[in-house]
Amino acid sequence: MLRIAREAGAFVVEDDFVRRLVHEDAGPLPRPLAADDPDGVVVHVCSLTKATSPSFRVSALAARGPVLERLRAIQIVDTFFVPRPLQEAALELVGSPAWPRHLRAVSAELKARRDAMTSALALRLPELALAHVPSGGYHLWPRLPDGTDEAALVAAGLRAGVAITPGRPYFSAEPPAAHLRLSFAAVATTQEITDGVRRLRRAWDEAPG
């Protein structure tokens, strides 16, 4: 990928926001592309937001060479700088002994929630094909049987009291099949995940087609 980008005079934007949301059983993480880029074709983006709080809007952009100067100039014009109190809070957070403990706790909790959702889907909705169980992040992407109407199922889910998202808007081209985007992060307990899948079962039975 780096060779192709270099030969084409292009850049690779490495959106690495989910690295700190790795699951407890993931194993060693691969190195970022930027770590093996001597030519400055990678623009690396990362964030503290997902692993801390939605309102903690602190991110970082790393690049080399002329692209860094262009991006820095754009950021100065658009945002000027991150507010000083937020900078101080970020520095105190990542420099604290509690930071690695927090990341380990997040990692363990994400795995528990992922496992709760995959188990509930296997039990109550075996019709959904889950080709890949992720080792990071906070979504599952089950594939729907051919002919399933994503929009009708989403609407039925809302009537049943569960919010789900159709997968189509997240594909850069025409998707190979209908999918759902199921999040297991924004819940208070794993019991809510189980309840949500139970409601999704009801929506599935009621949805047309």
N, C-alpha and C. Protein backbone atom coordinates (compact mmCIF):
# COMPACT_ATOMS: atom_id res chain seq x y z
N MET A 1 0.82 -1.20 0.00
CA MET A 1 0.00 0.00 0.00
C MET A 1 0.86 1.26 0.00
N LEU A 2 1.90 1.25 0.82
CA LEU A 2 2.79 2.41 0.87
C LEU A 2 3.52 2.59 -0.45
N ARG A 3 3.92 1.49 -1.06
CA ARG A 3 4.63 1.58 -2.35
C ARG A 3 3.71 2.15 -3.42
N ILE A 4 2.48 1.68 -3.48
CA ILE A 4 1.53 2.16 -4.48
C ILE A 4 1.26 3.65 -4.29
N ALA A 5 1.07 4.05 -3.02
CA ALA A 5 0.81 5.47 -2.74
C ALA A 5 2.01 6.32 -3.15
N ARG A 6 3.19 5.84 -2.85
CA ARG A 6 4.40 6.60 -3.19
C ARG A 6 4.55 6.74 -4.70
N GLU A 7 4.33 5.64 -5.43
CA GLU A 7 4.48 5.69 -6.89
C GLU A 7 3.41 6.55 -7.54
N ALA A 8 2.23 6.62 -6.93
CA ALA A 8 1.13 7.41 -7.49
C ALA A 8 1.16 8.86 -7.04
N GLY A 9 2.08 9.20 -6.14
CA GLY A 9 2.12 10.55 -5.60
C GLY A 9 0.91 10.85 -4.74
N ALA A 10 0.37 9.82 -4.07
CA ALA A 10 -0.84 9.96 -3.27
C ALA A 10 -0.50 9.83 -1.78
N PHE A 11 -1.50 10.06 -0.95
CA PHE A 11 -1.35 9.92 0.49
C PHE A 11 -2.30 8.85 1.01
N VAL A 12 -1.93 8.22 2.09
CA VAL A 12 -2.78 7.27 2.79
C VAL A 12 -3.17 7.91 4.12
N VAL A 13 -4.47 8.07 4.35
CA VAL A 13 -4.96 8.58 5.62
C VAL A 13 -5.24 7.39 6.53
N GLU A 14 -4.45 7.27 7.57
CA GLU A 14 -4.58 6.15 8.52
C GLU A 14 -5.42 6.61 9.70
N ASP A 15 -6.69 6.26 9.69
CA ASP A 15 -7.62 6.66 10.75
C ASP A 15 -7.54 5.63 11.86
N ASP A 16 -6.73 5.89 12.86
CA ASP A 16 -6.40 4.90 13.89
C ASP A 16 -7.13 5.20 15.21
N PHE A 17 -8.35 5.73 15.11
CA PHE A 17 -9.07 6.15 16.32
C PHE A 17 -9.45 4.99 17.21
N VAL A 18 -9.51 3.76 16.67
CA VAL A 18 -10.04 2.64 17.45
C VAL A 18 -8.93 1.83 18.14
N ARG A 19 -7.69 2.23 17.99
CA ARG A 19 -6.58 1.42 18.53
C ARG A 19 -6.72 1.21 20.04
N ARG A 20 -7.20 2.21 20.77
CA ARG A 20 -7.32 2.08 22.23
C ARG A 20 -8.61 1.37 22.64
N LEU A 21 -9.37 0.88 21.67
CA LEU A 21 -10.58 0.13 21.96
C LEU A 21 -10.39 -1.35 21.62
N VAL A 22 -9.17 -1.82 21.72
CA VAL A 22 -8.87 -3.23 21.46
C VAL A 22 -9.50 -4.08 22.56
N HIS A 23 -9.95 -5.29 22.18
CA HIS A 23 -10.56 -6.19 23.16
C HIS A 23 -9.48 -6.97 23.91
N GLU A 24 -9.86 -7.47 25.05
CA GLU A 24 -8.91 -8.11 25.96
C GLU A 24 -8.22 -9.31 25.33
N ASP A 25 -8.89 -9.99 24.40
CA ASP A 25 -8.33 -11.21 23.81
C ASP A 25 -7.71 -10.96 22.43
N ALA A 26 -7.39 -9.73 22.11
CA ALA A 26 -6.96 -9.39 20.75
C ALA A 26 -5.54 -9.84 20.43
N GLY A 27 -4.67 -9.93 21.41
CA GLY A 27 -3.27 -10.22 21.12
C GLY A 27 -2.51 -8.97 20.72
N PRO A 28 -1.25 -9.10 20.30
CA PRO A 28 -0.44 -7.93 19.95
C PRO A 28 -1.04 -7.17 18.77
N LEU A 29 -1.01 -5.86 18.85
CA LEU A 29 -1.54 -5.02 17.77
C LEU A 29 -0.49 -4.83 16.70
N PRO A 30 -0.91 -4.70 15.44
CA PRO A 30 0.06 -4.38 14.38
C PRO A 30 0.58 -2.96 14.55
N ARG A 31 1.76 -2.72 14.03
CA ARG A 31 2.31 -1.38 14.06
C ARG A 31 1.49 -0.47 13.15
N PRO A 32 1.36 0.80 13.49
CA PRO A 32 0.71 1.73 12.56
C PRO A 32 1.49 1.81 11.25
N LEU A 33 0.79 2.06 10.17
CA LEU A 33 1.47 2.24 8.88
C LEU A 33 2.50 3.36 8.95
N ALA A 34 2.16 4.39 9.72
CA ALA A 34 3.06 5.54 9.82
C ALA A 34 4.42 5.16 10.38
N ALA A 35 4.47 4.10 11.18
CA ALA A 35 5.74 3.69 11.78
C ALA A 35 6.73 3.15 10.75
N ASP A 36 6.20 2.68 9.62
CA ASP A 36 7.06 2.10 8.58
C ASP A 36 7.03 2.94 7.30
N ASP A 37 6.81 4.23 7.46
CA ASP A 37 6.69 5.13 6.32
C ASP A 37 7.83 6.15 6.33
N PRO A 38 8.91 5.87 5.62
CA PRO A 38 10.03 6.82 5.60
C PRO A 38 9.83 7.98 4.63
N ASP A 39 8.79 7.89 3.79
CA ASP A 39 8.65 8.84 2.69
C ASP A 39 7.58 9.90 2.91
N GLY A 40 6.86 9.83 4.02
CA GLY A 40 5.87 10.85 4.30
C GLY A 40 4.60 10.74 3.48
N VAL A 41 4.18 9.51 3.12
CA VAL A 41 2.93 9.36 2.38
C VAL A 41 1.75 9.05 3.30
N VAL A 42 2.02 8.77 4.57
CA VAL A 42 0.95 8.42 5.51
C VAL A 42 0.61 9.63 6.37
N VAL A 43 -0.69 9.93 6.46
CA VAL A 43 -1.19 10.91 7.41
C VAL A 43 -1.93 10.12 8.49
N HIS A 44 -1.37 10.12 9.68
CA HIS A 44 -1.88 9.28 10.77
C HIS A 44 -2.76 10.13 11.69
N VAL A 45 -3.97 9.64 11.96
CA VAL A 45 -4.93 10.35 12.81
C VAL A 45 -5.32 9.44 13.96
N CYS A 46 -5.29 9.97 15.18
CA CYS A 46 -5.73 9.19 16.34
C CYS A 46 -6.46 10.13 17.31
N SER A 47 -7.12 9.53 18.31
CA SER A 47 -7.98 10.32 19.17
C SER A 47 -8.04 9.71 20.56
N LEU A 48 -8.26 10.59 21.55
CA LEU A 48 -8.52 10.14 22.92
C LEU A 48 -10.02 10.04 23.22
N THR A 49 -10.84 10.52 22.30
CA THR A 49 -12.27 10.67 22.61
C THR A 49 -12.95 9.35 22.90
N LYS A 50 -12.80 8.37 22.02
CA LYS A 50 -13.55 7.12 22.17
C LYS A 50 -13.18 6.36 23.44
N ALA A 51 -11.95 6.46 23.87
CA ALA A 51 -11.51 5.71 25.05
C ALA A 51 -11.72 6.48 26.34
N THR A 52 -12.20 7.72 26.24
CA THR A 52 -12.38 8.51 27.46
C THR A 52 -13.82 8.96 27.62
N SER A 53 -14.22 9.95 26.85
CA SER A 53 -15.55 10.52 26.99
C SER A 53 -15.93 11.22 25.69
N PRO A 54 -17.22 11.16 25.28
CA PRO A 54 -17.62 11.84 24.05
C PRO A 54 -17.33 13.34 24.05
N SER A 55 -17.28 13.94 25.22
CA SER A 55 -17.04 15.39 25.29
C SER A 55 -15.55 15.73 25.38
N PHE A 56 -14.70 14.73 25.45
CA PHE A 56 -13.25 14.96 25.55
C PHE A 56 -12.67 14.96 24.14
N ARG A 57 -12.81 16.08 23.46
CA ARG A 57 -12.51 16.14 22.03
C ARG A 57 -11.04 16.51 21.80
N VAL A 58 -10.18 15.51 21.98
CA VAL A 58 -8.75 15.70 21.77
C VAL A 58 -8.27 14.64 20.79
N SER A 59 -7.64 15.07 19.72
CA SER A 59 -7.10 14.14 18.75
C SER A 59 -5.71 14.60 18.33
N ALA A 60 -5.06 13.77 17.54
CA ALA A 60 -3.71 14.11 17.07
C ALA A 60 -3.58 13.72 15.61
N LEU A 61 -2.78 14.48 14.90
CA LEU A 61 -2.50 14.22 13.50
C LEU A 61 -0.99 14.19 13.33
N ALA A 62 -0.47 13.12 12.74
CA ALA A 62 0.98 12.99 12.55
C ALA A 62 1.27 12.81 11.06
N ALA A 63 2.23 13.56 10.57
CA ALA A 63 2.62 13.47 9.16
C ALA A 63 4.07 13.92 9.05
N ARG A 64 4.62 13.77 7.83
CA ARG A 64 6.00 14.19 7.59
C ARG A 64 6.04 15.06 6.34
N GLY A 65 7.02 15.94 6.29
CA GLY A 65 7.30 16.68 5.08
C GLY A 65 6.28 17.76 4.75
N PRO A 66 6.15 18.10 3.45
CA PRO A 66 5.29 19.21 3.03
C PRO A 66 3.83 19.03 3.45
N VAL A 67 3.33 17.78 3.47
CA VAL A 67 1.93 17.58 3.83
C VAL A 67 1.66 18.02 5.27
N LEU A 68 2.65 17.83 6.13
CA LEU A 68 2.49 18.27 7.52
C LEU A 68 2.33 19.79 7.58
N GLU A 69 3.14 20.52 6.81
CA GLU A 69 3.04 21.97 6.82
C GLU A 69 1.69 22.44 6.28
N ARG A 70 1.19 21.77 5.23
CA ARG A 70 -0.12 22.13 4.69
C ARG A 70 -1.22 21.90 5.72
N LEU A 71 -1.19 20.74 6.35
CA LEU A 71 -2.22 20.39 7.33
C LEU A 71 -2.15 21.29 8.56
N ARG A 72 -0.95 21.60 8.97
CA ARG A 72 -0.78 22.49 10.13
C ARG A 72 -1.37 23.87 9.81
N ALA A 73 -1.11 24.38 8.62
CA ALA A 73 -1.64 25.69 8.23
C ALA A 73 -3.16 25.67 8.20
N ILE A 74 -3.74 24.58 7.67
CA ILE A 74 -5.20 24.47 7.62
C ILE A 74 -5.78 24.45 9.03
N GLN A 75 -5.16 23.69 9.92
CA GLN A 75 -5.68 23.60 11.29
C GLN A 75 -5.59 24.94 12.01
N ILE A 76 -4.53 25.67 11.78
CA ILE A 76 -4.39 26.98 12.43
C ILE A 76 -5.52 27.92 11.97
N VAL A 77 -5.85 27.84 10.69
CA VAL A 77 -6.92 28.69 10.16
C VAL A 77 -8.28 28.22 10.68
N ASP A 78 -8.52 26.91 10.68
CA ASP A 78 -9.85 26.38 11.01
C ASP A 78 -10.13 26.38 12.51
N THR A 79 -9.17 25.91 13.31
CA THR A 79 -9.45 25.71 14.75
C THR A 79 -8.52 26.50 15.66
N PHE A 80 -7.46 27.05 15.13
CA PHE A 80 -6.46 27.83 15.85
C PHE A 80 -5.68 26.96 16.84
N PHE A 81 -6.34 26.47 17.90
CA PHE A 81 -5.64 25.57 18.82
C PHE A 81 -6.68 24.91 19.73
N VAL A 82 -6.27 23.80 20.34
CA VAL A 82 -7.12 23.15 21.35
C VAL A 82 -7.09 24.02 22.60
N PRO A 83 -8.24 24.28 23.24
CA PRO A 83 -8.24 25.12 24.46
C PRO A 83 -7.26 24.62 25.50
N ARG A 84 -6.57 25.55 26.15
CA ARG A 84 -5.53 25.19 27.10
C ARG A 84 -6.02 24.27 28.22
N PRO A 85 -7.18 24.50 28.84
CA PRO A 85 -7.63 23.56 29.88
C PRO A 85 -7.78 22.13 29.38
N LEU A 86 -8.23 21.98 28.12
CA LEU A 86 -8.38 20.64 27.55
C LEU A 86 -7.01 20.01 27.31
N GLN A 87 -6.05 20.81 26.87
CA GLN A 87 -4.69 20.31 26.70
C GLN A 87 -4.11 19.83 28.03
N GLU A 88 -4.31 20.63 29.07
CA GLU A 88 -3.79 20.27 30.39
C GLU A 88 -4.45 18.99 30.90
N ALA A 89 -5.78 18.86 30.67
CA ALA A 89 -6.49 17.66 31.12
C ALA A 89 -5.99 16.43 30.38
N ALA A 90 -5.74 16.57 29.07
CA ALA A 90 -5.23 15.44 28.29
C ALA A 90 -3.85 15.02 28.77
N LEU A 91 -2.99 15.98 29.03
CA LEU A 91 -1.64 15.68 29.50
C LEU A 91 -1.68 14.98 30.85
N GLU A 92 -2.53 15.48 31.76
CA GLU A 92 -2.64 14.86 33.07
C GLU A 92 -3.19 13.44 32.97
N LEU A 93 -4.15 13.24 32.06
CA LEU A 93 -4.76 11.93 31.90
C LEU A 93 -3.76 10.90 31.39
N VAL A 94 -3.11 11.17 30.27
CA VAL A 94 -2.24 10.15 29.67
C VAL A 94 -0.94 9.98 30.45
N GLY A 95 -0.60 10.96 31.31
CA GLY A 95 0.59 10.82 32.14
C GLY A 95 0.32 10.18 33.49
N SER A 96 -0.92 9.86 33.77
CA SER A 96 -1.30 9.31 35.06
C SER A 96 -1.15 7.79 35.09
N PRO A 97 -0.77 7.20 36.26
CA PRO A 97 -0.74 5.74 36.37
C PRO A 97 -2.12 5.11 36.15
N ALA A 98 -3.18 5.92 36.31
CA ALA A 98 -4.53 5.39 36.10
C ALA A 98 -4.86 5.16 34.62
N TRP A 99 -4.11 5.79 33.70
CA TRP A 99 -4.42 5.68 32.28
C TRP A 99 -4.31 4.25 31.75
N PRO A 100 -3.18 3.55 31.98
CA PRO A 100 -3.13 2.16 31.51
C PRO A 100 -4.16 1.26 32.20
N ARG A 101 -4.45 1.55 33.47
CA ARG A 101 -5.49 0.76 34.15
C ARG A 101 -6.85 0.99 33.51
N HIS A 102 -7.11 2.24 33.14
CA HIS A 102 -8.37 2.56 32.48
C HIS A 102 -8.48 1.83 31.15
N LEU A 103 -7.40 1.83 30.36
CA LEU A 103 -7.44 1.15 29.07
C LEU A 103 -7.64 -0.35 29.23
N ARG A 104 -7.04 -0.95 30.26
CA ARG A 104 -7.26 -2.38 30.50
C ARG A 104 -8.71 -2.65 30.88
N ALA A 105 -9.30 -1.76 31.68
CA ALA A 105 -10.69 -1.93 32.07
C ALA A 105 -11.62 -1.79 30.86
N VAL A 106 -11.33 -0.82 30.00
CA VAL A 106 -12.13 -0.65 28.78
C VAL A 106 -12.02 -1.89 27.90
N SER A 107 -10.80 -2.41 27.77
CA SER A 107 -10.57 -3.59 26.95
C SER A 107 -11.36 -4.80 27.45
N ALA A 108 -11.35 -5.00 28.76
CA ALA A 108 -12.08 -6.14 29.34
C ALA A 108 -13.58 -5.96 29.18
N GLU A 109 -14.08 -4.74 29.38
CA GLU A 109 -15.52 -4.49 29.29
C GLU A 109 -16.01 -4.63 27.84
N LEU A 110 -15.22 -4.15 26.88
CA LEU A 110 -15.62 -4.30 25.48
C LEU A 110 -15.71 -5.78 25.09
N LYS A 111 -14.77 -6.58 25.55
CA LYS A 111 -14.82 -8.02 25.25
C LYS A 111 -16.07 -8.64 25.86
N ALA A 112 -16.37 -8.29 27.12
CA ALA A 112 -17.54 -8.85 27.78
C ALA A 112 -18.82 -8.49 27.02
N ARG A 113 -18.91 -7.24 26.57
CA ARG A 113 -20.11 -6.80 25.85
C ARG A 113 -20.19 -7.44 24.46
N ARG A 114 -19.04 -7.55 23.80
CA ARG A 114 -19.03 -8.23 22.50
C ARG A 114 -19.50 -9.67 22.64
N ASP A 115 -18.98 -10.37 23.65
CA ASP A 115 -19.35 -11.76 23.85
C ASP A 115 -20.83 -11.89 24.22
N ALA A 116 -21.34 -10.93 25.01
CA ALA A 116 -22.76 -10.97 25.37
C ALA A 116 -23.63 -10.82 24.13
N MET A 117 -23.24 -9.92 23.22
CA MET A 117 -24.05 -9.71 22.03
C MET A 117 -23.95 -10.88 21.07
N THR A 118 -22.75 -11.41 20.84
CA THR A 118 -22.62 -12.54 19.92
C THR A 118 -23.37 -13.76 20.44
N SER A 119 -23.33 -13.99 21.76
CA SER A 119 -24.05 -15.12 22.35
C SER A 119 -25.56 -14.94 22.21
N ALA A 120 -26.03 -13.72 22.47
CA ALA A 120 -27.46 -13.46 22.36
C ALA A 120 -27.95 -13.59 20.92
N LEU A 121 -27.15 -13.13 19.97
CA LEU A 121 -27.54 -13.26 18.56
C LEU A 121 -27.57 -14.73 18.14
N ALA A 122 -26.59 -15.50 18.57
CA ALA A 122 -26.57 -16.92 18.21
C ALA A 122 -27.77 -17.65 18.78
N LEU A 123 -28.20 -17.24 19.97
CA LEU A 123 -29.33 -17.90 20.63
C LEU A 123 -30.67 -17.49 20.03
N ARG A 124 -30.86 -16.17 19.81
CA ARG A 124 -32.18 -15.66 19.45
C ARG A 124 -32.34 -15.33 17.97
N LEU A 125 -31.23 -15.06 17.28
CA LEU A 125 -31.32 -14.66 15.88
C LEU A 125 -30.28 -15.40 15.03
N PRO A 126 -30.38 -16.71 14.97
CA PRO A 126 -29.40 -17.46 14.17
C PRO A 126 -29.51 -17.16 12.68
N GLU A 127 -30.62 -16.48 12.27
CA GLU A 127 -30.76 -16.12 10.85
C GLU A 127 -29.71 -15.11 10.41
N LEU A 128 -29.15 -14.35 11.34
CA LEU A 128 -28.15 -13.35 11.00
C LEU A 128 -26.77 -14.01 10.90
N ALA A 129 -26.09 -13.75 9.81
CA ALA A 129 -24.77 -14.34 9.59
C ALA A 129 -23.70 -13.39 10.11
N LEU A 130 -22.95 -13.83 11.09
CA LEU A 130 -21.86 -13.02 11.64
C LEU A 130 -20.55 -13.64 11.18
N ALA A 131 -20.07 -13.17 10.03
CA ALA A 131 -18.89 -13.78 9.42
C ALA A 131 -17.62 -13.46 10.19
N HIS A 132 -17.62 -12.34 10.90
CA HIS A 132 -16.40 -11.90 11.58
C HIS A 132 -16.74 -11.38 12.96
N VAL A 133 -16.09 -11.92 13.98
CA VAL A 133 -16.21 -11.40 15.34
C VAL A 133 -14.99 -10.53 15.60
N PRO A 134 -15.17 -9.23 15.78
CA PRO A 134 -14.02 -8.33 15.86
C PRO A 134 -13.25 -8.48 17.16
N SER A 135 -11.99 -8.07 17.12
CA SER A 135 -11.16 -8.06 18.32
C SER A 135 -10.89 -6.64 18.79
N GLY A 136 -11.66 -5.70 18.27
CA GLY A 136 -11.55 -4.30 18.68
C GLY A 136 -12.80 -3.55 18.25
N GLY A 137 -12.97 -2.35 18.79
CA GLY A 137 -14.11 -1.55 18.43
C GLY A 137 -15.36 -1.91 19.23
N TYR A 138 -16.51 -1.43 18.76
CA TYR A 138 -17.73 -1.61 19.55
C TYR A 138 -18.96 -1.85 18.68
N HIS A 139 -18.74 -2.45 17.49
CA HIS A 139 -19.86 -2.78 16.62
C HIS A 139 -19.75 -4.22 16.14
N LEU A 140 -20.92 -4.81 15.88
CA LEU A 140 -21.01 -6.04 15.11
C LEU A 140 -21.73 -5.71 13.80
N TRP A 141 -21.37 -6.45 12.75
CA TRP A 141 -21.93 -6.19 11.42
C TRP A 141 -22.55 -7.46 10.85
N PRO A 142 -23.67 -7.92 11.41
CA PRO A 142 -24.28 -9.14 10.87
C PRO A 142 -24.85 -8.93 9.48
N ARG A 143 -24.71 -9.95 8.66
CA ARG A 143 -25.27 -9.92 7.30
C ARG A 143 -26.69 -10.46 7.34
N LEU A 144 -27.59 -9.77 6.66
CA LEU A 144 -28.98 -10.17 6.61
C LEU A 144 -29.21 -11.13 5.45
N PRO A 145 -30.18 -12.02 5.58
CA PRO A 145 -30.49 -12.92 4.45
C PRO A 145 -30.88 -12.14 3.20
N ASP A 146 -30.61 -12.73 2.06
CA ASP A 146 -30.95 -12.08 0.78
C ASP A 146 -32.43 -11.72 0.76
N GLY A 147 -32.72 -10.52 0.28
CA GLY A 147 -34.09 -10.08 0.17
C GLY A 147 -34.61 -9.33 1.38
N THR A 148 -33.83 -9.26 2.45
CA THR A 148 -34.27 -8.55 3.65
C THR A 148 -34.27 -7.04 3.39
N ASP A 149 -35.31 -6.39 3.82
CA ASP A 149 -35.43 -4.93 3.68
C ASP A 149 -34.83 -4.27 4.92
N GLU A 150 -33.64 -3.68 4.78
CA GLU A 150 -32.96 -3.04 5.92
C GLU A 150 -33.85 -1.99 6.57
N ALA A 151 -34.43 -1.12 5.75
CA ALA A 151 -35.22 -0.01 6.28
C ALA A 151 -36.43 -0.51 7.06
N ALA A 152 -37.09 -1.55 6.54
CA ALA A 152 -38.26 -2.09 7.23
C ALA A 152 -37.86 -2.70 8.58
N LEU A 153 -36.72 -3.36 8.61
CA LEU A 153 -36.26 -3.97 9.86
C LEU A 153 -35.87 -2.91 10.88
N VAL A 154 -35.22 -1.84 10.43
CA VAL A 154 -34.85 -0.75 11.33
C VAL A 154 -36.11 -0.12 11.92
N ALA A 155 -37.13 0.11 11.08
CA ALA A 155 -38.38 0.70 11.56
C ALA A 155 -39.08 -0.23 12.56
N ALA A 156 -39.07 -1.52 12.27
CA ALA A 156 -39.68 -2.49 13.19
C ALA A 156 -38.91 -2.52 14.52
N GLY A 157 -37.59 -2.36 14.44
CA GLY A 157 -36.79 -2.31 15.66
C GLY A 157 -37.17 -1.15 16.55
N LEU A 158 -37.36 0.02 15.95
CA LEU A 158 -37.76 1.19 16.73
C LEU A 158 -39.11 0.97 17.39
N ARG A 159 -40.03 0.34 16.68
CA ARG A 159 -41.34 0.06 17.27
C ARG A 159 -41.21 -0.93 18.43
N ALA A 160 -40.22 -1.82 18.34
CA ALA A 160 -40.00 -2.80 19.40
C ALA A 160 -39.14 -2.27 20.54
N GLY A 161 -38.64 -1.03 20.39
CA GLY A 161 -37.87 -0.42 21.47
C GLY A 161 -36.38 -0.65 21.41
N VAL A 162 -35.87 -0.92 20.21
CA VAL A 162 -34.42 -1.10 20.06
C VAL A 162 -33.96 -0.30 18.85
N ALA A 163 -32.88 0.48 19.01
CA ALA A 163 -32.34 1.31 17.94
C ALA A 163 -31.23 0.55 17.23
N ILE A 164 -31.40 0.33 15.94
CA ILE A 164 -30.38 -0.32 15.12
C ILE A 164 -30.15 0.56 13.89
N THR A 165 -29.05 0.31 13.19
CA THR A 165 -28.69 1.14 12.05
C THR A 165 -28.49 0.26 10.83
N PRO A 166 -29.06 0.63 9.69
CA PRO A 166 -28.79 -0.14 8.48
C PRO A 166 -27.33 -0.02 8.07
N GLY A 167 -26.79 -1.08 7.49
CA GLY A 167 -25.38 -1.07 7.14
C GLY A 167 -25.05 -0.33 5.87
N ARG A 168 -26.02 -0.16 4.96
CA ARG A 168 -25.75 0.37 3.63
C ARG A 168 -24.98 1.70 3.64
N PRO A 169 -25.33 2.69 4.49
CA PRO A 169 -24.62 3.98 4.43
C PRO A 169 -23.13 3.88 4.77
N TYR A 170 -22.69 2.77 5.36
CA TYR A 170 -21.30 2.67 5.79
C TYR A 170 -20.40 2.00 4.75
N PHE A 171 -20.97 1.59 3.64
CA PHE A 171 -20.17 1.01 2.55
C PHE A 171 -19.79 2.11 1.57
N SER A 172 -18.57 2.10 1.11
CA SER A 172 -18.11 3.11 0.16
C SER A 172 -18.65 2.88 -1.24
N ALA A 173 -19.08 1.65 -1.53
CA ALA A 173 -19.71 1.32 -2.81
C ALA A 173 -20.95 0.48 -2.52
N GLU A 174 -21.56 -0.05 -3.55
CA GLU A 174 -22.75 -0.88 -3.36
C GLU A 174 -22.39 -2.10 -2.51
N PRO A 175 -23.09 -2.30 -1.37
CA PRO A 175 -22.74 -3.43 -0.50
C PRO A 175 -23.08 -4.76 -1.15
N PRO A 176 -22.35 -5.82 -0.81
CA PRO A 176 -22.62 -7.14 -1.38
C PRO A 176 -23.92 -7.75 -0.88
N ALA A 177 -24.40 -7.26 0.27
CA ALA A 177 -25.64 -7.77 0.86
C ALA A 177 -26.10 -6.76 1.90
N ALA A 178 -27.34 -6.96 2.38
CA ALA A 178 -27.85 -6.10 3.45
C ALA A 178 -27.18 -6.47 4.77
N HIS A 179 -26.87 -5.44 5.57
CA HIS A 179 -26.23 -5.64 6.86
C HIS A 179 -26.91 -4.77 7.91
N LEU A 180 -26.63 -5.08 9.17
CA LEU A 180 -26.99 -4.22 10.28
C LEU A 180 -25.73 -3.79 11.01
N ARG A 181 -25.76 -2.61 11.56
CA ARG A 181 -24.68 -2.11 12.42
C ARG A 181 -25.21 -2.11 13.85
N LEU A 182 -24.70 -3.03 14.66
CA LEU A 182 -25.16 -3.18 16.04
C LEU A 182 -24.07 -2.73 17.00
N SER A 183 -24.37 -1.76 17.84
CA SER A 183 -23.40 -1.25 18.80
C SER A 183 -23.60 -1.88 20.16
N PHE A 184 -22.49 -2.24 20.82
CA PHE A 184 -22.59 -2.80 22.17
C PHE A 184 -21.87 -1.92 23.20
N ALA A 185 -21.62 -0.66 22.85
CA ALA A 185 -20.89 0.23 23.77
C ALA A 185 -21.82 1.10 24.60
N ALA A 186 -22.83 1.69 23.98
CA ALA A 186 -23.65 2.70 24.65
C ALA A 186 -24.78 2.08 25.46
N VAL A 187 -24.43 1.17 26.33
CA VAL A 187 -25.40 0.55 27.23
C VAL A 187 -24.81 0.55 28.64
N ALA A 188 -25.68 0.45 29.63
CA ALA A 188 -25.20 0.47 31.01
C ALA A 188 -24.67 -0.89 31.45
N THR A 189 -25.31 -1.97 31.00
CA THR A 189 -24.93 -3.32 31.43
C THR A 189 -25.09 -4.29 30.26
N THR A 190 -24.51 -5.48 30.42
CA THR A 190 -24.69 -6.51 29.40
C THR A 190 -26.13 -6.99 29.35
N GLN A 191 -26.88 -6.82 30.45
CA GLN A 191 -28.29 -7.20 30.43
C GLN A 191 -29.05 -6.39 29.40
N GLU A 192 -28.69 -5.13 29.23
CA GLU A 192 -29.34 -4.31 28.21
C GLU A 192 -29.07 -4.85 26.81
N ILE A 193 -27.90 -5.43 26.61
CA ILE A 193 -27.59 -6.04 25.31
C ILE A 193 -28.51 -7.23 25.07
N THR A 194 -28.65 -8.08 26.08
CA THR A 194 -29.53 -9.23 25.97
C THR A 194 -30.97 -8.80 25.70
N ASP A 195 -31.43 -7.78 26.43
CA ASP A 195 -32.79 -7.26 26.22
C ASP A 195 -32.94 -6.69 24.81
N GLY A 196 -31.91 -5.99 24.33
CA GLY A 196 -31.97 -5.42 23.00
C GLY A 196 -32.09 -6.48 21.92
N VAL A 197 -31.34 -7.56 22.05
CA VAL A 197 -31.41 -8.64 21.07
C VAL A 197 -32.78 -9.32 21.14
N ARG A 198 -33.33 -9.45 22.33
CA ARG A 198 -34.67 -10.03 22.47
C ARG A 198 -35.69 -9.16 21.73
N ARG A 199 -35.58 -7.85 21.87
CA ARG A 199 -36.48 -6.96 21.15
C ARG A 199 -36.24 -7.01 19.64
N LEU A 200 -34.98 -7.19 19.26
CA LEU A 200 -34.66 -7.31 17.84
C LEU A 200 -35.29 -8.57 17.25
N ARG A 201 -35.35 -9.63 18.04
CA ARG A 201 -36.03 -10.85 17.60
C ARG A 201 -37.50 -10.58 17.31
N ARG A 202 -38.13 -9.81 18.21
CA ARG A 202 -39.53 -9.46 18.01
C ARG A 202 -39.70 -8.61 16.74
N ALA A 203 -38.77 -7.67 16.55
CA ALA A 203 -38.83 -6.83 15.35
C ALA A 203 -38.65 -7.68 14.10
N TRP A 204 -37.73 -8.64 14.16
CA TRP A 204 -37.49 -9.52 13.02
C TRP A 204 -38.76 -10.29 12.65
N ASP A 205 -39.46 -10.78 13.65
CA ASP A 205 -40.68 -11.55 13.39
C ASP A 205 -41.80 -10.69 12.84
N GLU A 206 -41.77 -9.38 13.17
CA GLU A 206 -42.84 -8.49 12.75
C GLU A 206 -42.55 -7.77 11.45
N ALA A 207 -41.28 -7.66 11.07
CA ALA A 207 -40.91 -6.86 9.88
C ALA A 207 -41.42 -7.54 8.61
N PRO A 208 -41.92 -6.77 7.67
CA PRO A 208 -42.36 -7.37 6.40
C PRO A 208 -41.18 -7.88 5.59
N GLY A 209 -41.41 -8.96 4.90
CA GLY A 209 -40.37 -9.52 4.02
C GLY A 209 -39.34 -10.31 4.78
